[in-house]
């Protein structure tokens, strides 16, 4: 799976991030591009990364709204922080609005008899005070 990178600059007069590159899939190309921007302070350059190109625009909007995105400052990126595919996938899942992490959990008892008996024994111990959850 590819990781897509895209570079944005923080514009001084608006304090918002704006794209300065198209999507890149090569780290050497990204490093070459960052070297070309050597005169710009590293805290004003941000590298966004994703497993697909589709979500890049939404990430820029979220970053400008102060929300969490899958991105690093150029300084973080250049000082050795590396992005790997499993991390990108995990972060995208956590940041996704489609996930159910904020939906209340609804417990149901197991249908397997041995598991049901184990839960019943635990419940008896909790109610008697023998076991504290």
N, C-alpha and C. Protein backbone atom coordinates (compact mmCIF):
# COMPACT_ATOMS: atom_id res chain seq x y z
N UNK A 1 0.84 -1.17 0.00
CA UNK A 1 0.00 0.00 0.00
C UNK A 1 0.89 1.24 0.00
N UNK A 2 0.52 2.22 -0.79
CA UNK A 2 1.25 3.47 -0.89
C UNK A 2 0.84 4.44 0.21
N UNK A 3 1.78 5.29 0.58
CA UNK A 3 1.46 6.42 1.44
C UNK A 3 1.60 7.66 0.58
N UNK A 4 0.57 8.50 0.60
CA UNK A 4 0.59 9.75 -0.15
C UNK A 4 0.98 10.88 0.80
N UNK A 5 1.84 11.76 0.30
CA UNK A 5 2.29 12.91 1.08
C UNK A 5 1.88 14.18 0.33
N UNK A 6 1.63 15.23 1.10
CA UNK A 6 1.35 16.51 0.49
C UNK A 6 1.84 17.61 1.43
N UNK A 7 2.45 18.64 0.87
CA UNK A 7 3.06 19.71 1.65
C UNK A 7 2.16 20.94 1.66
N UNK A 8 2.03 21.55 2.84
CA UNK A 8 1.26 22.79 2.98
C UNK A 8 2.12 23.81 3.73
N UNK A 9 1.88 25.09 3.46
CA UNK A 9 2.54 26.20 4.16
C UNK A 9 1.51 26.93 5.00
N UNK A 10 1.96 27.45 6.12
CA UNK A 10 1.10 28.32 6.92
C UNK A 10 1.30 29.74 6.40
N UNK A 11 0.24 30.33 5.90
CA UNK A 11 0.30 31.66 5.31
C UNK A 11 0.24 32.69 6.43
N UNK A 12 1.22 33.60 6.46
CA UNK A 12 1.38 34.55 7.56
C UNK A 12 0.17 35.44 7.77
N UNK A 13 -0.33 36.05 6.72
CA UNK A 13 -1.41 37.02 6.91
C UNK A 13 -2.76 36.39 7.24
N UNK A 14 -2.95 35.10 6.96
CA UNK A 14 -4.22 34.45 7.27
C UNK A 14 -4.10 33.42 8.40
N UNK A 15 -2.88 32.99 8.71
CA UNK A 15 -2.63 31.95 9.70
C UNK A 15 -3.33 30.64 9.36
N UNK A 16 -3.57 30.41 8.08
CA UNK A 16 -4.17 29.14 7.67
C UNK A 16 -3.18 28.38 6.79
N UNK A 17 -3.39 27.08 6.70
CA UNK A 17 -2.53 26.22 5.89
C UNK A 17 -3.07 26.18 4.47
N UNK A 18 -2.14 26.24 3.49
CA UNK A 18 -2.50 26.15 2.08
C UNK A 18 -1.55 25.19 1.39
N UNK A 19 -2.07 24.44 0.42
CA UNK A 19 -1.25 23.46 -0.30
C UNK A 19 -0.13 24.14 -1.07
N UNK A 20 1.04 23.49 -1.06
CA UNK A 20 2.18 23.94 -1.85
C UNK A 20 2.73 22.82 -2.72
N UNK A 21 2.06 21.68 -2.71
CA UNK A 21 2.49 20.57 -3.57
C UNK A 21 1.28 19.77 -3.99
N UNK A 22 1.50 18.96 -5.00
CA UNK A 22 0.49 17.96 -5.36
C UNK A 22 0.78 16.73 -4.50
N UNK A 23 0.03 15.68 -4.67
CA UNK A 23 0.27 14.45 -3.91
C UNK A 23 1.56 13.80 -4.39
N UNK A 24 2.35 13.34 -3.43
CA UNK A 24 3.62 12.67 -3.72
C UNK A 24 3.57 11.27 -3.13
N UNK A 25 4.24 10.33 -3.78
CA UNK A 25 4.29 8.97 -3.25
C UNK A 25 5.72 8.51 -2.98
N UNK A 26 6.67 9.38 -3.22
CA UNK A 26 8.08 9.01 -3.07
C UNK A 26 8.73 9.87 -1.98
N UNK A 27 9.35 9.20 -0.99
CA UNK A 27 10.06 9.94 0.05
C UNK A 27 11.23 10.75 -0.50
N UNK A 28 12.04 10.20 -1.43
CA UNK A 28 13.11 11.02 -1.99
C UNK A 28 12.59 12.31 -2.65
N UNK A 29 11.46 12.22 -3.33
CA UNK A 29 10.87 13.41 -3.95
C UNK A 29 10.44 14.40 -2.87
N UNK A 30 9.85 13.89 -1.80
CA UNK A 30 9.43 14.75 -0.70
C UNK A 30 10.63 15.45 -0.07
N UNK A 31 11.72 14.72 0.17
CA UNK A 31 12.92 15.34 0.75
C UNK A 31 13.52 16.39 -0.19
N UNK A 32 13.51 16.12 -1.49
CA UNK A 32 14.00 17.10 -2.46
C UNK A 32 13.16 18.37 -2.40
N UNK A 33 11.86 18.20 -2.32
CA UNK A 33 10.96 19.35 -2.23
C UNK A 33 11.21 20.14 -0.94
N UNK A 34 11.38 19.44 0.17
CA UNK A 34 11.64 20.12 1.44
C UNK A 34 12.97 20.87 1.42
N UNK A 35 13.98 20.32 0.74
CA UNK A 35 15.26 21.03 0.61
C UNK A 35 15.09 22.33 -0.17
N UNK A 36 14.19 22.31 -1.15
CA UNK A 36 13.94 23.52 -1.94
C UNK A 36 13.30 24.62 -1.09
N UNK A 37 12.65 24.23 -0.01
CA UNK A 37 11.99 25.20 0.88
C UNK A 37 12.86 25.53 2.09
N UNK A 38 14.18 25.35 1.99
CA UNK A 38 15.08 25.51 3.13
C UNK A 38 15.04 26.90 3.77
N UNK A 39 14.63 27.93 3.05
CA UNK A 39 14.58 29.28 3.60
C UNK A 39 13.33 29.58 4.41
N UNK A 40 12.38 28.67 4.40
CA UNK A 40 11.12 28.87 5.11
C UNK A 40 11.21 28.17 6.47
N UNK A 41 10.80 28.84 7.55
CA UNK A 41 10.86 28.19 8.88
C UNK A 41 10.09 26.87 8.89
N UNK A 42 10.71 25.86 9.49
CA UNK A 42 10.13 24.50 9.50
C UNK A 42 8.77 24.44 10.17
N UNK A 43 8.49 25.35 11.11
CA UNK A 43 7.19 25.30 11.77
C UNK A 43 6.07 25.87 10.90
N UNK A 44 6.42 26.42 9.75
CA UNK A 44 5.42 26.95 8.81
C UNK A 44 5.20 26.00 7.63
N UNK A 45 5.85 24.83 7.71
CA UNK A 45 5.70 23.80 6.68
C UNK A 45 5.13 22.56 7.35
N UNK A 46 4.11 21.98 6.76
CA UNK A 46 3.47 20.79 7.33
C UNK A 46 3.34 19.73 6.25
N UNK A 47 3.64 18.48 6.61
CA UNK A 47 3.52 17.36 5.69
C UNK A 47 2.31 16.53 6.12
N UNK A 48 1.36 16.41 5.22
CA UNK A 48 0.17 15.59 5.45
C UNK A 48 0.40 14.24 4.80
N UNK A 49 -0.11 13.17 5.39
CA UNK A 49 0.06 11.84 4.81
C UNK A 49 -1.22 11.05 4.96
N UNK A 50 -1.45 10.18 3.96
CA UNK A 50 -2.68 9.41 3.93
C UNK A 50 -2.47 8.16 3.08
N UNK A 51 -3.33 7.17 3.29
CA UNK A 51 -3.27 5.96 2.47
C UNK A 51 -4.03 6.15 1.16
N UNK A 52 -4.71 7.29 1.00
CA UNK A 52 -5.40 7.59 -0.26
C UNK A 52 -5.36 9.09 -0.49
N UNK A 53 -5.52 9.49 -1.73
CA UNK A 53 -5.51 10.92 -2.06
C UNK A 53 -6.81 11.60 -1.69
N UNK A 54 -7.87 10.82 -1.57
CA UNK A 54 -9.21 11.38 -1.38
C UNK A 54 -9.35 12.27 -0.14
N UNK A 55 -8.75 11.86 0.96
CA UNK A 55 -8.96 12.57 2.22
C UNK A 55 -8.09 13.79 2.45
N UNK A 56 -7.20 14.10 1.53
CA UNK A 56 -6.26 15.21 1.75
C UNK A 56 -6.95 16.56 1.94
N UNK A 57 -7.92 16.87 1.11
CA UNK A 57 -8.61 18.17 1.21
C UNK A 57 -9.30 18.31 2.56
N UNK A 58 -9.94 17.23 3.00
CA UNK A 58 -10.63 17.24 4.29
C UNK A 58 -9.64 17.45 5.44
N UNK A 59 -8.45 16.83 5.31
CA UNK A 59 -7.43 17.00 6.34
C UNK A 59 -6.97 18.45 6.46
N UNK A 60 -6.82 19.12 5.31
CA UNK A 60 -6.39 20.52 5.33
C UNK A 60 -7.45 21.38 6.03
N UNK A 61 -8.70 21.13 5.74
CA UNK A 61 -9.79 21.87 6.39
C UNK A 61 -9.76 21.62 7.90
N UNK A 62 -9.60 20.35 8.30
CA UNK A 62 -9.56 20.01 9.73
C UNK A 62 -8.38 20.69 10.42
N UNK A 63 -7.22 20.68 9.78
CA UNK A 63 -6.04 21.32 10.37
C UNK A 63 -6.29 22.82 10.57
N UNK A 64 -6.91 23.44 9.59
CA UNK A 64 -7.21 24.87 9.70
C UNK A 64 -8.26 25.17 10.76
N UNK A 65 -9.06 24.16 11.12
CA UNK A 65 -10.06 24.32 12.19
C UNK A 65 -9.49 23.93 13.55
N UNK A 66 -8.21 23.53 13.57
CA UNK A 66 -7.57 23.16 14.84
C UNK A 66 -7.83 21.74 15.28
N UNK A 67 -8.36 20.91 14.38
CA UNK A 67 -8.63 19.51 14.71
C UNK A 67 -7.38 18.66 14.45
N UNK A 68 -7.40 17.45 14.96
CA UNK A 68 -6.28 16.53 14.79
C UNK A 68 -6.29 15.96 13.37
N UNK A 69 -5.10 15.91 12.76
CA UNK A 69 -4.96 15.32 11.42
C UNK A 69 -3.74 14.42 11.40
N UNK A 70 -3.61 13.65 10.34
CA UNK A 70 -2.40 12.85 10.16
C UNK A 70 -1.39 13.71 9.41
N UNK A 71 -0.67 14.51 10.17
CA UNK A 71 0.33 15.40 9.58
C UNK A 71 1.41 15.69 10.60
N UNK A 72 2.55 16.13 10.09
CA UNK A 72 3.69 16.49 10.92
C UNK A 72 4.25 17.82 10.45
N UNK A 73 4.89 18.55 11.35
CA UNK A 73 5.61 19.73 10.89
C UNK A 73 6.86 19.24 10.16
N UNK A 74 7.42 20.09 9.32
CA UNK A 74 8.64 19.71 8.60
C UNK A 74 9.75 19.39 9.60
N UNK A 75 9.79 20.13 10.70
CA UNK A 75 10.80 19.90 11.73
C UNK A 75 10.68 18.49 12.30
N UNK A 76 9.47 18.07 12.64
CA UNK A 76 9.25 16.71 13.16
C UNK A 76 9.66 15.67 12.12
N UNK A 77 9.29 15.92 10.89
CA UNK A 77 9.57 14.97 9.82
C UNK A 77 11.08 14.86 9.57
N UNK A 78 11.77 16.01 9.54
CA UNK A 78 13.19 16.02 9.21
C UNK A 78 14.07 15.55 10.37
N UNK A 79 13.56 15.57 11.59
CA UNK A 79 14.37 15.13 12.73
C UNK A 79 14.22 13.64 13.01
N UNK A 80 13.64 12.92 12.09
CA UNK A 80 13.67 11.48 12.19
C UNK A 80 12.37 10.76 12.42
N UNK A 81 11.27 11.47 12.63
CA UNK A 81 10.01 10.77 12.79
C UNK A 81 9.64 10.13 11.47
N UNK A 82 9.38 8.84 11.48
CA UNK A 82 9.04 8.13 10.25
C UNK A 82 7.60 7.65 10.31
N UNK A 83 6.97 7.68 9.18
CA UNK A 83 5.58 7.27 9.05
C UNK A 83 5.56 5.91 8.36
N UNK A 84 4.87 4.94 8.96
CA UNK A 84 4.76 3.65 8.28
C UNK A 84 3.29 3.35 8.00
N UNK A 85 3.07 2.46 7.07
CA UNK A 85 1.72 2.17 6.59
C UNK A 85 0.76 1.75 7.70
N UNK A 86 1.12 0.83 8.61
CA UNK A 86 0.17 0.47 9.67
C UNK A 86 -0.22 1.67 10.55
N UNK A 87 0.75 2.56 10.83
CA UNK A 87 0.42 3.75 11.64
C UNK A 87 -0.57 4.65 10.92
N UNK A 88 -0.36 4.84 9.61
CA UNK A 88 -1.27 5.68 8.83
C UNK A 88 -2.67 5.09 8.84
N UNK A 89 -2.77 3.79 8.61
CA UNK A 89 -4.07 3.12 8.59
C UNK A 89 -4.77 3.24 9.95
N UNK A 90 -4.03 3.00 11.04
CA UNK A 90 -4.60 3.09 12.38
C UNK A 90 -5.08 4.51 12.68
N UNK A 91 -4.25 5.50 12.35
CA UNK A 91 -4.62 6.89 12.61
C UNK A 91 -5.84 7.31 11.80
N UNK A 92 -5.89 6.90 10.54
CA UNK A 92 -7.05 7.23 9.71
C UNK A 92 -8.32 6.62 10.28
N UNK A 93 -8.23 5.39 10.77
CA UNK A 93 -9.39 4.74 11.37
C UNK A 93 -9.84 5.48 12.62
N UNK A 94 -8.87 5.88 13.46
CA UNK A 94 -9.21 6.60 14.69
C UNK A 94 -9.83 7.97 14.40
N UNK A 95 -9.35 8.64 13.36
CA UNK A 95 -9.84 9.98 13.04
C UNK A 95 -11.08 9.96 12.16
N UNK A 96 -11.42 8.79 11.65
CA UNK A 96 -12.56 8.67 10.74
C UNK A 96 -13.87 8.96 11.44
N UNK A 97 -14.75 9.64 10.74
CA UNK A 97 -16.08 9.89 11.28
C UNK A 97 -16.96 8.66 11.15
N UNK A 98 -16.53 7.69 10.34
CA UNK A 98 -17.32 6.48 10.13
C UNK A 98 -17.12 5.46 11.25
N UNK A 99 -16.14 5.67 12.11
CA UNK A 99 -15.90 4.68 13.15
C UNK A 99 -16.95 4.77 14.25
N UNK A 100 -16.99 3.74 15.10
CA UNK A 100 -18.01 3.70 16.14
C UNK A 100 -17.42 3.95 17.53
N UNK A 101 -16.24 4.58 17.60
CA UNK A 101 -15.58 4.75 18.89
C UNK A 101 -16.35 5.66 19.85
N UNK A 102 -17.26 6.47 19.34
CA UNK A 102 -18.01 7.35 20.22
C UNK A 102 -19.47 6.90 20.40
N UNK A 103 -19.76 5.67 19.99
CA UNK A 103 -21.10 5.10 20.15
C UNK A 103 -21.11 4.28 21.44
N UNK A 104 -22.10 4.45 22.30
CA UNK A 104 -22.14 3.68 23.54
C UNK A 104 -22.13 2.17 23.27
N UNK A 105 -21.40 1.46 24.11
CA UNK A 105 -21.31 0.01 23.98
C UNK A 105 -22.53 -0.63 24.61
N UNK A 106 -23.11 -1.58 23.93
CA UNK A 106 -24.28 -2.29 24.45
C UNK A 106 -23.89 -3.75 24.66
N UNK A 107 -23.83 -4.16 25.92
CA UNK A 107 -23.42 -5.52 26.25
C UNK A 107 -24.58 -6.49 26.07
N UNK A 108 -24.28 -7.65 25.51
CA UNK A 108 -25.25 -8.74 25.44
C UNK A 108 -24.56 -10.00 25.96
N UNK A 109 -25.29 -10.81 26.67
CA UNK A 109 -24.72 -12.05 27.19
C UNK A 109 -24.38 -12.99 26.04
N UNK A 110 -23.34 -13.80 26.22
CA UNK A 110 -22.97 -14.75 25.18
C UNK A 110 -24.03 -15.84 25.00
N UNK A 111 -24.07 -16.41 23.82
CA UNK A 111 -25.02 -17.49 23.54
C UNK A 111 -24.41 -18.86 23.84
N UNK A 112 -23.11 -18.95 23.93
CA UNK A 112 -22.42 -20.18 24.26
C UNK A 112 -22.63 -20.49 25.74
N UNK A 113 -23.04 -21.71 26.07
CA UNK A 113 -23.39 -22.09 27.44
C UNK A 113 -22.22 -21.93 28.41
N UNK A 114 -21.03 -22.39 28.05
CA UNK A 114 -19.89 -22.30 28.98
C UNK A 114 -19.52 -20.84 29.25
N UNK A 115 -19.60 -19.99 28.22
CA UNK A 115 -19.31 -18.57 28.43
C UNK A 115 -20.41 -17.91 29.28
N UNK A 116 -21.64 -18.32 29.07
CA UNK A 116 -22.76 -17.78 29.86
C UNK A 116 -22.60 -18.15 31.33
N UNK A 117 -22.19 -19.39 31.62
CA UNK A 117 -21.96 -19.81 33.00
C UNK A 117 -20.81 -19.01 33.64
N UNK A 118 -19.76 -18.78 32.88
CA UNK A 118 -18.63 -17.99 33.40
C UNK A 118 -19.08 -16.58 33.75
N UNK A 119 -19.86 -15.95 32.89
CA UNK A 119 -20.38 -14.60 33.17
C UNK A 119 -21.30 -14.61 34.39
N UNK A 120 -22.11 -15.64 34.52
CA UNK A 120 -23.02 -15.73 35.66
C UNK A 120 -22.23 -15.84 36.97
N UNK A 121 -21.16 -16.66 36.97
CA UNK A 121 -20.32 -16.79 38.16
C UNK A 121 -19.65 -15.46 38.51
N UNK A 122 -19.18 -14.76 37.50
CA UNK A 122 -18.57 -13.44 37.74
C UNK A 122 -19.59 -12.47 38.32
N UNK A 123 -20.80 -12.46 37.78
CA UNK A 123 -21.84 -11.56 38.25
C UNK A 123 -22.18 -11.84 39.72
N UNK A 124 -22.25 -13.12 40.09
CA UNK A 124 -22.54 -13.50 41.48
C UNK A 124 -21.42 -12.98 42.40
N UNK A 125 -20.16 -13.12 41.98
CA UNK A 125 -19.03 -12.65 42.79
C UNK A 125 -19.05 -11.13 42.94
N UNK A 126 -19.40 -10.43 41.89
CA UNK A 126 -19.47 -8.96 41.96
C UNK A 126 -20.58 -8.53 42.90
N UNK A 127 -21.75 -9.12 42.76
CA UNK A 127 -22.90 -8.74 43.60
C UNK A 127 -22.70 -9.08 45.07
N UNK A 128 -21.93 -10.13 45.34
CA UNK A 128 -21.68 -10.51 46.74
C UNK A 128 -20.54 -9.69 47.35
N UNK A 129 -19.85 -8.93 46.53
CA UNK A 129 -18.74 -8.11 47.02
C UNK A 129 -17.41 -8.83 47.03
N UNK A 130 -17.41 -10.08 46.60
CA UNK A 130 -16.18 -10.87 46.57
C UNK A 130 -15.22 -10.36 45.49
N UNK A 131 -15.77 -9.78 44.45
CA UNK A 131 -14.96 -9.26 43.34
C UNK A 131 -15.41 -7.83 43.05
N UNK A 132 -14.44 -6.93 42.97
CA UNK A 132 -14.76 -5.53 42.67
C UNK A 132 -14.34 -5.24 41.23
N UNK A 133 -15.28 -4.74 40.42
CA UNK A 133 -14.94 -4.48 39.01
C UNK A 133 -13.95 -3.34 38.86
